Amino acid sequence: MLITINKAVDSSLELRSKKALIQNFIAGINDVDDVLLEWKEFVAKKKEEELAAIIAEEKLKDEETRKFIEYSFRDGVMKTTGTDIDKIMPPMSRFGGGREKKKESIIQRLIAFFERFFGIG
């Protein structure tokens, strides 16, 4: 069964970014009554853990970041243009180029997070 799952994940471009998540779930699952419920709970827990880590490590504004992510999942796309990213960023000087590097780092992490969890929970 595990071989079949791995082949299906490897052959799907959409599932490749979710491979580690799927493998962690399979490794941790035991004899359960409702696998779908366990999967949803697992995904919700991992999603919260990873989002909290991104917020803490990047020093993002908690409430604004959570709203931004919620709207991204609702709309099915993460908007990286405009002022949405600026609203969640910590206060920084606009001089010296540090802000743009930080913004790009945040965008990359949030896109990876979005791709990992979009459509699976």
PDB file of N, CA and C in Angstrom:
ATOM      1  N   MET A   1       0.821  -1.194   0.000  1.00  0.00           N
ATOM      2  CA  MET A   1       0.000   0.000   0.000  1.00  0.00           C
ATOM      3  C   MET A   1       0.866   1.260   0.000  1.00  0.00           C
ATOM      4  N   LEU A   2       1.932   1.220   0.805  1.00  0.00           N
ATOM      5  CA  LEU A   2       2.834   2.372   0.910  1.00  0.00           C
ATOM      6  C   LEU A   2       3.512   2.670  -0.424  1.00  0.00           C
ATOM      7  N   ILE A   3       3.876   1.641  -1.149  1.00  0.00           N
ATOM      8  CA  ILE A   3       4.507   1.815  -2.464  1.00  0.00           C
ATOM      9  C   ILE A   3       3.536   2.487  -3.424  1.00  0.00           C
ATOM     10  N   THR A   4       2.277   2.079  -3.408  1.00  0.00           N
ATOM     11  CA  THR A   4       1.253   2.667  -4.264  1.00  0.00           C
ATOM     12  C   THR A   4       1.053   4.140  -3.937  1.00  0.00           C
ATOM     13  N   ILE A   5       1.027   4.470  -2.669  1.00  0.00           N
ATOM     14  CA  ILE A   5       0.862   5.861  -2.249  1.00  0.00           C
ATOM     15  C   ILE A   5       2.056   6.691  -2.705  1.00  0.00           C
ATOM     16  N   ASN A   6       3.268   6.183  -2.494  1.00  0.00           N
ATOM     17  CA  ASN A   6       4.469   6.915  -2.916  1.00  0.00           C
ATOM     18  C   ASN A   6       4.506   7.138  -4.421  1.00  0.00           C
ATOM     19  N   LYS A   7       4.106   6.134  -5.197  1.00  0.00           N
ATOM     20  CA  LYS A   7       4.071   6.292  -6.649  1.00  0.00           C
ATOM     21  C   LYS A   7       3.056   7.365  -7.055  1.00  0.00           C
ATOM     22  N   ALA A   8       1.904   7.357  -6.405  1.00  0.00           N
ATOM     23  CA  ALA A   8       0.869   8.348  -6.720  1.00  0.00           C
ATOM     24  C   ALA A   8       1.340   9.758  -6.379  1.00  0.00           C
ATOM     25  N   VAL A   9       1.991   9.907  -5.249  1.00  0.00           N
ATOM     26  CA  VAL A   9       2.488  11.223  -4.835  1.00  0.00           C
ATOM     27  C   VAL A   9       3.596  11.691  -5.778  1.00  0.00           C
ATOM     28  N   ASP A  10       4.532  10.800  -6.101  1.00  0.00           N
ATOM     29  CA  ASP A  10       5.649  11.167  -6.977  1.00  0.00           C
ATOM     30  C   ASP A  10       5.205  11.513  -8.388  1.00  0.00           C
ATOM     31  N   SER A  11       4.123  10.920  -8.844  1.00  0.00           N
ATOM     32  CA  SER A  11       3.667  11.179 -10.203  1.00  0.00           C
ATOM     33  C   SER A  11       2.789  12.423 -10.331  1.00  0.00           C
ATOM     34  N   SER A  12       2.407  13.011  -9.220  1.00  0.00           N
ATOM     35  CA  SER A  12       1.538  14.182  -9.238  1.00  0.00           C
ATOM     36  C   SER A  12       2.308  15.436  -8.854  1.00  0.00           C
ATOM     37  N   LEU A  13       2.358  16.396  -9.764  1.00  0.00           N
ATOM     38  CA  LEU A  13       3.029  17.669  -9.472  1.00  0.00           C
ATOM     39  C   LEU A  13       2.387  18.368  -8.283  1.00  0.00           C
ATOM     40  N   GLU A  14       1.081  18.268  -8.178  1.00  0.00           N
ATOM     41  CA  GLU A  14       0.344  18.934  -7.106  1.00  0.00           C
ATOM     42  C   GLU A  14       0.658  18.335  -5.733  1.00  0.00           C
ATOM     43  N   LEU A  15       0.935  17.044  -5.683  1.00  0.00           N
ATOM     44  CA  LEU A  15       1.166  16.375  -4.400  1.00  0.00           C
ATOM     45  C   LEU A  15       2.628  16.361  -3.961  1.00  0.00           C
ATOM     46  N   ARG A  16       3.553  16.683  -4.852  1.00  0.00           N
ATOM     47  CA  ARG A  16       4.973  16.616  -4.486  1.00  0.00           C
ATOM     48  C   ARG A  16       5.319  17.525  -3.316  1.00  0.00           C
ATOM     49  N   SER A  17       4.733  18.711  -3.273  1.00  0.00           N
ATOM     50  CA  SER A  17       5.040  19.622  -2.168  1.00  0.00           C
ATOM     51  C   SER A  17       4.420  19.139  -0.857  1.00  0.00           C
ATOM     52  N   LYS A  18       3.538  18.184  -0.942  1.00  0.00           N
ATOM     53  CA  LYS A  18       2.844  17.661   0.236  1.00  0.00           C
ATOM     54  C   LYS A  18       3.385  16.297   0.662  1.00  0.00           C
ATOM     55  N   LYS A  19       4.423  15.804  -0.029  1.00  0.00           N
ATOM     56  CA  LYS A  19       4.935  14.455   0.180  1.00  0.00           C
ATOM     57  C   LYS A  19       5.366  14.204   1.622  1.00  0.00           C
ATOM     58  N   ALA A  20       6.160  15.103   2.194  1.00  0.00           N
ATOM     59  CA  ALA A  20       6.634  14.906   3.566  1.00  0.00           C
ATOM     60  C   ALA A  20       5.470  14.874   4.551  1.00  0.00           C
ATOM     61  N   LEU A  21       4.486  15.717   4.321  1.00  0.00           N
ATOM     62  CA  LEU A  21       3.305  15.760   5.181  1.00  0.00           C
ATOM     63  C   LEU A  21       2.559  14.422   5.129  1.00  0.00           C
ATOM     64  N   ILE A  22       2.372  13.898   3.932  1.00  0.00           N
ATOM     65  CA  ILE A  22       1.675  12.629   3.746  1.00  0.00           C
ATOM     66  C   ILE A  22       2.463  11.490   4.392  1.00  0.00           C
ATOM     67  N   GLN A  23       3.774  11.483   4.182  1.00  0.00           N
ATOM     68  CA  GLN A  23       4.595  10.425   4.763  1.00  0.00           C
ATOM     69  C   GLN A  23       4.593  10.487   6.291  1.00  0.00           C
ATOM     70  N   ASN A  24       4.639  11.676   6.860  1.00  0.00           N
ATOM     71  CA  ASN A  24       4.582  11.807   8.323  1.00  0.00           C
ATOM     72  C   ASN A  24       3.262  11.297   8.868  1.00  0.00           C
ATOM     73  N   PHE A  25       2.183  11.567   8.165  1.00  0.00           N
ATOM     74  CA  PHE A  25       0.865  11.088   8.600  1.00  0.00           C
ATOM     75  C   PHE A  25       0.831   9.560   8.581  1.00  0.00           C
ATOM     76  N   ILE A  26       1.303   8.982   7.485  1.00  0.00           N
ATOM     77  CA  ILE A  26       1.274   7.522   7.347  1.00  0.00           C
ATOM     78  C   ILE A  26       2.140   6.871   8.427  1.00  0.00           C
ATOM     79  N   ALA A  27       3.288   7.447   8.700  1.00  0.00           N
ATOM     80  CA  ALA A  27       4.185   6.884   9.715  1.00  0.00           C
ATOM     81  C   ALA A  27       3.572   6.952  11.115  1.00  0.00           C
ATOM     82  N   GLY A  28       2.751   7.952  11.369  1.00  0.00           N
ATOM     83  CA  GLY A  28       2.178   8.126  12.697  1.00  0.00           C
ATOM     84  C   GLY A  28       0.820   7.502  12.896  1.00  0.00           C
ATOM     85  N   ILE A  29       0.227   6.988  11.837  1.00  0.00           N
ATOM     86  CA  ILE A  29      -1.126   6.453  11.960  1.00  0.00           C
ATOM     87  C   ILE A  29      -1.081   4.999  12.430  1.00  0.00           C
ATOM     88  N   ASN A  30      -1.964   4.689  13.298  1.00  0.00           N
ATOM     89  CA  ASN A  30      -2.111   3.330  13.811  1.00  0.00           C
ATOM     90  C   ASN A  30      -3.513   2.842  13.476  1.00  0.00           C
ATOM     91  N   ASP A  31      -4.002   1.929  14.229  1.00  0.00           N
ATOM     92  CA  ASP A  31      -5.341   1.386  14.022  1.00  0.00           C
ATOM     93  C   ASP A  31      -6.370   2.426  14.479  1.00  0.00           C
ATOM     94  N   VAL A  32      -6.997   3.105  13.516  1.00  0.00           N
ATOM     95  CA  VAL A  32      -7.987   4.139  13.826  1.00  0.00           C
ATOM     96  C   VAL A  32      -9.299   3.808  13.133  1.00  0.00           C
ATOM     97  N   ASP A  33     -10.372   4.346  13.683  1.00  0.00           N
ATOM     98  CA  ASP A  33     -11.693   4.092  13.116  1.00  0.00           C
ATOM     99  C   ASP A  33     -11.964   4.963  11.895  1.00  0.00           C
ATOM    100  N   ASP A  34     -11.576   6.216  11.963  1.00  0.00           N
ATOM    101  CA  ASP A  34     -11.885   7.160  10.891  1.00  0.00           C
ATOM    102  C   ASP A  34     -10.605   7.825  10.400  1.00  0.00           C
ATOM    103  N   VAL A  35     -10.017   7.285   9.338  1.00  0.00           N
ATOM    104  CA  VAL A  35      -8.754   7.797   8.806  1.00  0.00           C
ATOM    105  C   VAL A  35      -8.920   9.223   8.303  1.00  0.00           C
ATOM    106  N   LEU A  36     -10.045   9.531   7.689  1.00  0.00           N
ATOM    107  CA  LEU A  36     -10.272  10.880   7.164  1.00  0.00           C
ATOM    108  C   LEU A  36     -10.279  11.915   8.286  1.00  0.00           C
ATOM    109  N   LEU A  37     -10.929  11.601   9.392  1.00  0.00           N
ATOM    110  CA  LEU A  37     -10.942  12.501  10.538  1.00  0.00           C
ATOM    111  C   LEU A  37      -9.531  12.672  11.101  1.00  0.00           C
ATOM    112  N   GLU A  38      -8.801  11.560  11.226  1.00  0.00           N
ATOM    113  CA  GLU A  38      -7.414  11.624  11.704  1.00  0.00           C
ATOM    114  C   GLU A  38      -6.565  12.490  10.781  1.00  0.00           C
ATOM    115  N   TRP A  39      -6.750  12.349   9.460  1.00  0.00           N
ATOM    116  CA  TRP A  39      -6.003  13.132   8.485  1.00  0.00           C
ATOM    117  C   TRP A  39      -6.291  14.622   8.654  1.00  0.00           C
ATOM    118  N   LYS A  40      -7.553  14.970   8.772  1.00  0.00           N
ATOM    119  CA  LYS A  40      -7.922  16.376   8.929  1.00  0.00           C
ATOM    120  C   LYS A  40      -7.326  16.966  10.202  1.00  0.00           C
ATOM    121  N   GLU A  41      -7.373  16.221  11.290  1.00  0.00           N
ATOM    122  CA  GLU A  41      -6.794  16.690  12.549  1.00  0.00           C
ATOM    123  C   GLU A  41      -5.284  16.827  12.441  1.00  0.00           C
ATOM    124  N   PHE A  42      -4.648  15.873  11.781  1.00  0.00           N
ATOM    125  CA  PHE A  42      -3.198  15.908  11.582  1.00  0.00           C
ATOM    126  C   PHE A  42      -2.800  17.132  10.765  1.00  0.00           C
ATOM    127  N   VAL A  43      -3.511  17.360   9.660  1.00  0.00           N
ATOM    128  CA  VAL A  43      -3.209  18.504   8.790  1.00  0.00           C
ATOM    129  C   VAL A  43      -3.422  19.819   9.531  1.00  0.00           C
ATOM    130  N   ALA A  44      -4.519  19.934  10.273  1.00  0.00           N
ATOM    131  CA  ALA A  44      -4.800  21.160  11.022  1.00  0.00           C
ATOM    132  C   ALA A  44      -3.711  21.434  12.050  1.00  0.00           C
ATOM    133  N   LYS A  45      -3.257  20.395  12.727  1.00  0.00           N
ATOM    134  CA  LYS A  45      -2.202  20.546  13.731  1.00  0.00           C
ATOM    135  C   LYS A  45      -0.897  20.985  13.087  1.00  0.00           C
ATOM    136  N   LYS A  46      -0.499  20.327  12.014  1.00  0.00           N
ATOM    137  CA  LYS A  46       0.752  20.669  11.321  1.00  0.00           C
ATOM    138  C   LYS A  46       0.684  22.066  10.726  1.00  0.00           C
ATOM    139  N   LYS A  47      -0.459  22.404  10.172  1.00  0.00           N
ATOM    140  CA  LYS A  47      -0.651  23.724   9.580  1.00  0.00           C
ATOM    141  C   LYS A  47      -0.455  24.812  10.634  1.00  0.00           C
ATOM    142  N   GLU A  48      -1.054  24.625  11.799  1.00  0.00           N
ATOM    143  CA  GLU A  48      -0.929  25.595  12.886  1.00  0.00           C
ATOM    144  C   GLU A  48       0.515  25.670  13.382  1.00  0.00           C
ATOM    145  N   GLU A  49       1.156  24.520  13.551  1.00  0.00           N
ATOM    146  CA  GLU A  49       2.545  24.504  14.015  1.00  0.00           C
ATOM    147  C   GLU A  49       3.462  25.247  13.054  1.00  0.00           C
ATOM    148  N   GLU A  50       3.324  24.976  11.769  1.00  0.00           N
ATOM    149  CA  GLU A  50       4.200  25.595  10.780  1.00  0.00           C
ATOM    150  C   GLU A  50       3.916  27.087  10.635  1.00  0.00           C
ATOM    151  N   LEU A  51       2.644  27.477  10.678  1.00  0.00           N
ATOM    152  CA  LEU A  51       2.311  28.899  10.588  1.00  0.00           C
ATOM    153  C   LEU A  51       2.846  29.644  11.810  1.00  0.00           C
ATOM    154  N   ALA A  52       2.686  29.073  12.983  1.00  0.00           N
ATOM    155  CA  ALA A  52       3.206  29.707  14.202  1.00  0.00           C
ATOM    156  C   ALA A  52       4.721  29.858  14.131  1.00  0.00           C
ATOM    157  N   ALA A  53       5.403  28.868  13.574  1.00  0.00           N
ATOM    158  CA  ALA A  53       6.862  28.942  13.435  1.00  0.00           C
ATOM    159  C   ALA A  53       7.265  30.056  12.470  1.00  0.00           C
ATOM    160  N   ILE A  54       6.563  30.163  11.353  1.00  0.00           N
ATOM    161  CA  ILE A  54       6.865  31.221  10.383  1.00  0.00           C
ATOM    162  C   ILE A  54       6.639  32.593  11.015  1.00  0.00           C
ATOM    163  N   ILE A  55       5.523  32.749  11.700  1.00  0.00           N
ATOM    164  CA  ILE A  55       5.203  34.034  12.348  1.00  0.00           C
ATOM    165  C   ILE A  55       6.292  34.401  13.356  1.00  0.00           C
ATOM    166  N   ALA A  56       6.705  33.440  14.166  1.00  0.00           N
ATOM    167  CA  ALA A  56       7.717  33.709  15.190  1.00  0.00           C
ATOM    168  C   ALA A  56       9.087  33.989  14.573  1.00  0.00           C
ATOM    169  N   GLU A  57       9.501  33.156  13.639  1.00  0.00           N
ATOM    170  CA  GLU A  57      10.838  33.296  13.053  1.00  0.00           C
ATOM    171  C   GLU A  57      10.987  34.561  12.212  1.00  0.00           C
ATOM    172  N   GLU A  58       9.933  34.934  11.510  1.00  0.00           N
ATOM    173  CA  GLU A  58       9.990  36.121  10.657  1.00  0.00           C
ATOM    174  C   GLU A  58       9.510  37.378  11.387  1.00  0.00           C
ATOM    175  N   LYS A  59       9.066  37.188  12.638  1.00  0.00           N
ATOM    176  CA  LYS A  59       8.564  38.301  13.469  1.00  0.00           C
ATOM    177  C   LYS A  59       7.396  39.036  12.798  1.00  0.00           C
ATOM    178  N   LEU A  60       6.473  38.243  12.237  1.00  0.00           N
ATOM    179  CA  LEU A  60       5.311  38.796  11.554  1.00  0.00           C
ATOM    180  C   LEU A  60       4.235  39.183  12.564  1.00  0.00           C
ATOM    181  N   LYS A  61       3.333  40.036  12.131  1.00  0.00           N
ATOM    182  CA  LYS A  61       2.186  40.418  12.959  1.00  0.00           C
ATOM    183  C   LYS A  61       1.212  39.241  12.957  1.00  0.00           C
ATOM    184  N   ASP A  62       0.948  38.702  14.140  1.00  0.00           N
ATOM    185  CA  ASP A  62       0.202  37.454  14.277  1.00  0.00           C
ATOM    186  C   ASP A  62      -1.191  37.518  13.654  1.00  0.00           C
ATOM    187  N   GLU A  63      -2.023  38.413  14.129  1.00  0.00           N
ATOM    188  CA  GLU A  63      -3.417  38.468  13.673  1.00  0.00           C
ATOM    189  C   GLU A  63      -3.511  38.763  12.181  1.00  0.00           C
ATOM    190  N   GLU A  64      -2.721  39.724  11.706  1.00  0.00           N
ATOM    191  CA  GLU A  64      -2.756  40.096  10.293  1.00  0.00           C
ATOM    192  C   GLU A  64      -2.283  38.951   9.403  1.00  0.00           C
ATOM    193  N   THR A  65      -1.254  38.231   9.860  1.00  0.00           N
ATOM    194  CA  THR A  65      -0.733  37.107   9.082  1.00  0.00           C
ATOM    195  C   THR A  65      -1.775  35.994   8.991  1.00  0.00           C
ATOM    196  N   ARG A  66      -2.440  35.709  10.097  1.00  0.00           N
ATOM    197  CA  ARG A  66      -3.456  34.660  10.091  1.00  0.00           C
ATOM    198  C   ARG A  66      -4.627  35.028   9.170  1.00  0.00           C
ATOM    199  N   LYS A  67      -5.022  36.284   9.164  1.00  0.00           N
ATOM    200  CA  LYS A  67      -6.080  36.729   8.248  1.00  0.00           C
ATOM    201  C   LYS A  67      -5.626  36.610   6.808  1.00  0.00           C
ATOM    202  N   PHE A  68      -4.386  37.020   6.525  1.00  0.00           N
ATOM    203  CA  PHE A  68      -3.829  36.935   5.185  1.00  0.00           C
ATOM    204  C   PHE A  68      -3.833  35.492   4.690  1.00  0.00           C
ATOM    205  N   ILE A  69      -3.396  34.569   5.537  1.00  0.00           N
ATOM    206  CA  ILE A  69      -3.374  33.150   5.172  1.00  0.00           C
ATOM    207  C   ILE A  69      -4.792  32.620   4.983  1.00  0.00           C
ATOM    208  N   GLU A  70      -5.690  32.984   5.874  1.00  0.00           N
ATOM    209  CA  GLU A  70      -7.085  32.546   5.772  1.00  0.00           C
ATOM    210  C   GLU A  70      -7.697  32.992   4.445  1.00  0.00           C
ATOM    211  N   TYR A  71      -7.484  34.243   4.089  1.00  0.00           N
ATOM    212  CA  TYR A  71      -8.025  34.768   2.821  1.00  0.00           C
ATOM    213  C   TYR A  71      -7.368  34.093   1.621  1.00  0.00           C
ATOM    214  N   SER A  72      -6.085  33.786   1.734  1.00  0.00           N
ATOM    215  CA  SER A  72      -5.392  33.109   0.640  1.00  0.00           C
ATOM    216  C   SER A  72      -5.987  31.736   0.394  1.00  0.00           C
ATOM    217  N   PHE A  73      -6.227  30.981   1.465  1.00  0.00           N
ATOM    218  CA  PHE A  73      -6.830  29.660   1.308  1.00  0.00           C
ATOM    219  C   PHE A  73      -8.262  29.779   0.802  1.00  0.00           C
ATOM    220  N   ARG A  74      -8.988  30.770   1.270  1.00  0.00           N
ATOM    221  CA  ARG A  74     -10.368  30.971   0.818  1.00  0.00           C
ATOM    222  C   ARG A  74     -10.416  31.296  -0.679  1.00  0.00           C
ATOM    223  N   ASP A  75      -9.491  32.178  -1.112  1.00  0.00           N
ATOM    224  CA  ASP A  75      -9.483  32.617  -2.506  1.00  0.00           C
ATOM    225  C   ASP A  75      -8.774  31.641  -3.437  1.00  0.00           C
ATOM    226  N   GLY A  76      -7.989  30.736  -2.873  1.00  0.00           N
ATOM    227  CA  GLY A  76      -7.280  29.754  -3.686  1.00  0.00           C
ATOM    228  C   GLY A  76      -6.004  30.275  -4.308  1.00  0.00           C
ATOM    229  N   VAL A  77      -5.557  31.444  -3.871  1.00  0.00           N
ATOM    230  CA  VAL A  77      -4.329  32.028  -4.410  1.00  0.00           C
ATOM    231  C   VAL A  77      -3.711  32.929  -3.349  1.00  0.00           C
ATOM    232  N   MET A  78      -2.381  32.950  -3.332  1.00  0.00           N
ATOM    233  CA  MET A  78      -1.683  33.835  -2.403  1.00  0.00           C
ATOM    234  C   MET A  78      -1.239  35.069  -3.174  1.00  0.00           C
ATOM    235  N   LYS A  79      -1.781  36.209  -2.795  1.00  0.00           N
ATOM    236  CA  LYS A  79      -1.464  37.469  -3.463  1.00  0.00           C
ATOM    237  C   LYS A  79      -0.181  38.045  -2.863  1.00  0.00           C
ATOM    238  N   THR A  80       0.837  38.150  -3.693  1.00  0.00           N
ATOM    239  CA  THR A  80       2.125  38.643  -3.203  1.00  0.00           C
ATOM    240  C   THR A  80       2.425  40.047  -3.721  1.00  0.00           C
ATOM    241  N   THR A  81       1.502  40.624  -4.444  1.00  0.00           N
ATOM    242  CA  THR A  81       1.683  41.991  -4.914  1.00  0.00           C
ATOM    243  C   THR A  81       0.780  42.910  -4.094  1.00  0.00           C
ATOM    244  N   GLY A  82       1.016  44.184  -4.221  1.00  0.00           N
ATOM    245  CA  GLY A  82       0.212  45.135  -3.462  1.00  0.00           C
ATOM    246  C   GLY A  82       0.767  45.300  -2.060  1.00  0.00           C
ATOM    247  N   THR A  83      -0.092  45.700  -1.140  1.00  0.00           N
ATOM    248  CA  THR A  83       0.354  46.014   0.221  1.00  0.00           C
ATOM    249  C   THR A  83       0.050  44.916   1.236  1.00  0.00           C
ATOM    250  N   ASP A  84      -0.519  43.815   0.801  1.00  0.00           N
ATOM    251  CA  ASP A  84      -0.893  42.751   1.736  1.00  0.00           C
ATOM    252  C   ASP A  84       0.304  42.225   2.531  1.00  0.00           C
ATOM    253  N   ILE A  85       1.418  41.975   1.862  1.00  0.00           N
ATOM    254  CA  ILE A  85       2.610  41.473   2.553  1.00  0.00           C
ATOM    255  C   ILE A  85       3.167  42.550   3.482  1.00  0.00           C
ATOM    256  N   ASP A  86       3.153  43.796   3.028  1.00  0.00           N
ATOM    257  CA  ASP A  86       3.663  44.898   3.860  1.00  0.00           C
ATOM    258  C   ASP A  86       2.902  45.009   5.178  1.00  0.00           C
ATOM    259  N   LYS A  87       1.617  44.708   5.155  1.00  0.00           N
ATOM    260  CA  LYS A  87       0.790  44.822   6.360  1.00  0.00           C
ATOM    261  C   LYS A  87       1.145  43.789   7.431  1.00  0.00           C
ATOM    262  N   ILE A  88       1.714  42.665   7.025  1.00  0.00           N
ATOM    263  CA  ILE A  88       2.042  41.627   8.001  1.00  0.00           C
ATOM    264  C   ILE A  88       3.498  41.677   8.456  1.00  0.00           C
ATOM    265  N   MET A  89       4.318  42.451   7.759  1.00  0.00           N
ATOM    266  CA  MET A  89       5.742  42.524   8.070  1.00  0.00           C
ATOM    267  C   MET A  89       6.011  43.324   9.342  1.00  0.00           C
ATOM    268  N   PRO A  90       7.108  43.003  10.019  1.00  0.00           N
ATOM    269  CA  PRO A  90       7.493  43.808  11.182  1.00  0.00           C
ATOM    270  C   PRO A  90       7.995  45.173  10.709  1.00  0.00           C
ATOM    271  N   PRO A  91       7.961  46.175  11.574  1.00  0.00           N
ATOM    272  CA  PRO A  91       8.471  47.489  11.182  1.00  0.00           C
ATOM    273  C   PRO A  91       9.960  47.401  10.843  1.00  0.00           C
ATOM    274  N   MET A  92      10.312  47.970   9.698  1.00  0.00           N
ATOM    275  CA  MET A  92      11.712  47.961   9.244  1.00  0.00           C
ATOM    276  C   MET A  92      11.989  49.236   8.474  1.00  0.00           C
ATOM    277  N   SER A  93      13.243  49.605   8.438  1.00  0.00           N
ATOM    278  CA  SER A  93      13.656  50.754   7.646  1.00  0.00           C
ATOM    279  C   SER A  93      13.529  50.420   6.165  1.00  0.00           C
ATOM    280  N   ARG A  94      13.091  51.369   5.398  1.00  0.00           N
ATOM    281  CA  ARG A  94      12.956  51.166   3.956  1.00  0.00           C
ATOM    282  C   ARG A  94      14.268  51.436   3.228  1.00  0.00           C
ATOM    283  N   PHE A  95      15.265  51.855   3.953  1.00  0.00           N
ATOM    284  CA  PHE A  95      16.549  52.200   3.350  1.00  0.00           C
ATOM    285  C   PHE A  95      17.546  51.057   3.535  1.00  0.00           C
ATOM    286  N   GLY A  96      18.452  50.918   2.604  1.00  0.00           N
ATOM    287  CA  GLY A  96      19.510  49.920   2.720  1.00  0.00           C
ATOM    288  C   GLY A  96      19.201  48.579   2.077  1.00  0.00           C
ATOM    289  N   GLY A  97      18.016  48.356   1.593  1.00  0.00           N
ATOM    290  CA  GLY A  97      17.674  47.108   0.899  1.00  0.00           C
ATOM    291  C   GLY A  97      17.297  45.941   1.799  1.00  0.00           C
ATOM    292  N   GLY A  98      17.418  46.087   3.086  1.00  0.00           N
ATOM    293  CA  GLY A  98      17.087  44.990   3.997  1.00  0.00           C
ATOM    294  C   GLY A  98      15.620  44.626   3.977  1.00  0.00           C
ATOM    295  N   ARG A  99      14.775  45.616   3.819  1.00  0.00           N
ATOM    296  CA  ARG A  99      13.328  45.379   3.806  1.00  0.00           C
ATOM    297  C   ARG A  99      12.919  44.514   2.614  1.00  0.00           C
ATOM    298  N   GLU A 100      13.485  44.789   1.450  1.00  0.00           N
ATOM    299  CA  GLU A 100      13.127  44.014   0.257  1.00  0.00           C
ATOM    300  C   GLU A 100      13.595  42.563   0.378  1.00  0.00           C
ATOM    301  N   LYS A 101      14.775  42.347   0.955  1.00  0.00           N
ATOM    302  CA  LYS A 101      15.267  40.982   1.159  1.00  0.00           C
ATOM    303  C   LYS A 101      14.359  40.239   2.138  1.00  0.00           C
ATOM    304  N   LYS A 102      13.990  40.926   3.207  1.00  0.00           N
ATOM    305  CA  LYS A 102      13.098  40.335   4.209  1.00  0.00           C
ATOM    306  C   LYS A 102      11.736  40.008   3.588  1.00  0.00           C
ATOM    307  N   LYS A 103      11.228  40.926   2.797  1.00  0.00           N
ATOM    308  CA  LYS A 103       9.929  40.720   2.145  1.00  0.00           C
ATOM    309  C   LYS A 103       9.987  39.511   1.221  1.00  0.00           C
ATOM    310  N   GLU A 104      11.049  39.389   0.457  1.00  0.00           N
ATOM    311  CA  GLU A 104      11.192  38.257  -0.460  1.00  0.00           C
ATOM    312  C   GLU A 104      11.285  36.938   0.318  1.00  0.00           C
ATOM    313  N   SER A 105      12.002  36.948   1.422  1.00  0.00           N
ATOM    314  CA  SER A 105      12.116  35.763   2.271  1.00  0.00           C
ATOM    315  C   SER A 105      10.747  35.353   2.818  1.00  0.00           C
ATOM    316  N   ILE A 106       9.990  36.327   3.271  1.00  0.00           N
ATOM    317  CA  ILE A 106       8.646  36.073   3.797  1.00  0.00           C
ATOM    318  C   ILE A 106       7.745  35.509   2.703  1.00  0.00           C
ATOM    319  N   ILE A 107       7.786  36.106   1.536  1.00  0.00           N
ATOM    320  CA  ILE A 107       6.960  35.640   0.420  1.00  0.00           C
ATOM    321  C   ILE A 107       7.286  34.190   0.083  1.00  0.00           C
ATOM    322  N   GLN A 108       8.575  33.853   0.006  1.00  0.00           N
ATOM    323  CA  GLN A 108       8.976  32.489  -0.328  1.00  0.00           C
ATOM    324  C   GLN A 108       8.474  31.489   0.713  1.00  0.00           C
ATOM    325  N   ARG A 109       8.604  31.837   1.978  1.00  0.00           N
ATOM    326  CA  ARG A 109       8.142  30.930   3.038  1.00  0.00           C
ATOM    327  C   ARG A 109       6.627  30.771   3.019  1.00  0.00           C
ATOM    328  N   LEU A 110       5.901  31.867   2.815  1.00  0.00           N
ATOM    329  CA  LEU A 110       4.442  31.785   2.808  1.00  0.00           C
ATOM    330  C   LEU A 110       3.926  31.028   1.583  1.00  0.00           C
ATOM    331  N   ILE A 111       4.571  31.198   0.448  1.00  0.00           N
ATOM    332  CA  ILE A 111       4.162  30.452  -0.753  1.00  0.00           C
ATOM    333  C   ILE A 111       4.396  28.956  -0.540  1.00  0.00           C
ATOM    334  N   ALA A 112       5.549  28.590   0.013  1.00  0.00           N
ATOM    335  CA  ALA A 112       5.826  27.174   0.288  1.00  0.00           C
ATOM    336  C   ALA A 112       4.789  26.610   1.264  1.00  0.00           C
ATOM    337  N   PHE A 113       4.441  27.387   2.287  1.00  0.00           N
ATOM    338  CA  PHE A 113       3.419  26.971   3.255  1.00  0.00           C
ATOM    339  C   PHE A 113       2.077  26.783   2.552  1.00  0.00           C
ATOM    340  N   PHE A 114       1.703  27.744   1.732  1.00  0.00           N
ATOM    341  CA  PHE A 114       0.429  27.696   1.022  1.00  0.00           C
ATOM    342  C   PHE A 114       0.367  26.466   0.114  1.00  0.00           C
ATOM    343  N   GLU A 115       1.419  26.236  -0.667  1.00  0.00           N
ATOM    344  CA  GLU A 115       1.437  25.093  -1.582  1.00  0.00           C
ATOM    345  C   GLU A 115       1.376  23.770  -0.832  1.00  0.00           C
ATOM    346  N   ARG A 116       1.986  23.752   0.326  1.00  0.00           N
ATOM    347  CA  ARG A 116       2.009  22.512   1.125  1.00  0.00           C
ATOM    348  C   ARG A 116       0.623  22.169   1.674  1.00  0.00           C
ATOM    349  N   PHE A 117      -0.149  23.173   2.056  1.00  0.00           N
ATOM    350  CA  PHE A 117      -1.414  22.901   2.728  1.00  0.00           C
ATOM    351  C   PHE A 117      -2.660  23.185   1.899  1.00  0.00           C
ATOM    352  N   PHE A 118      -2.525  23.835   0.758  1.00  0.00           N
ATOM    353  CA  PHE A 118      -3.714  24.160  -0.035  1.00  0.00           C
ATOM    354  C   PHE A 118      -4.337  22.892  -0.628  1.00  0.00           C
ATOM    355  N   GLY A 119      -5.617  22.732  -0.385  1.00  0.00           N
ATOM    356  CA  GLY A 119      -6.367  21.642  -0.994  1.00  0.00           C
ATOM    357  C   GLY A 119      -6.302  20.311  -0.276  1.00  0.00           C
ATOM    358  N   ILE A 120      -5.725  20.274   0.919  1.00  0.00           N
ATOM    359  CA  ILE A 120      -5.621  18.974   1.600  1.00  0.00           C
ATOM    360  C   ILE A 120      -6.266  18.945   2.970  1.00  0.00           C
ATOM    361  N   GLY A 121      -6.954  19.988   3.349  1.00  0.00           N
ATOM    362  CA  GLY A 121      -7.499  19.951   4.691  1.00  0.00           C
ATOM    363  C   GLY A 121      -8.835  20.586   4.739  1.00  0.00           C
TER     364      GLY A 121
END
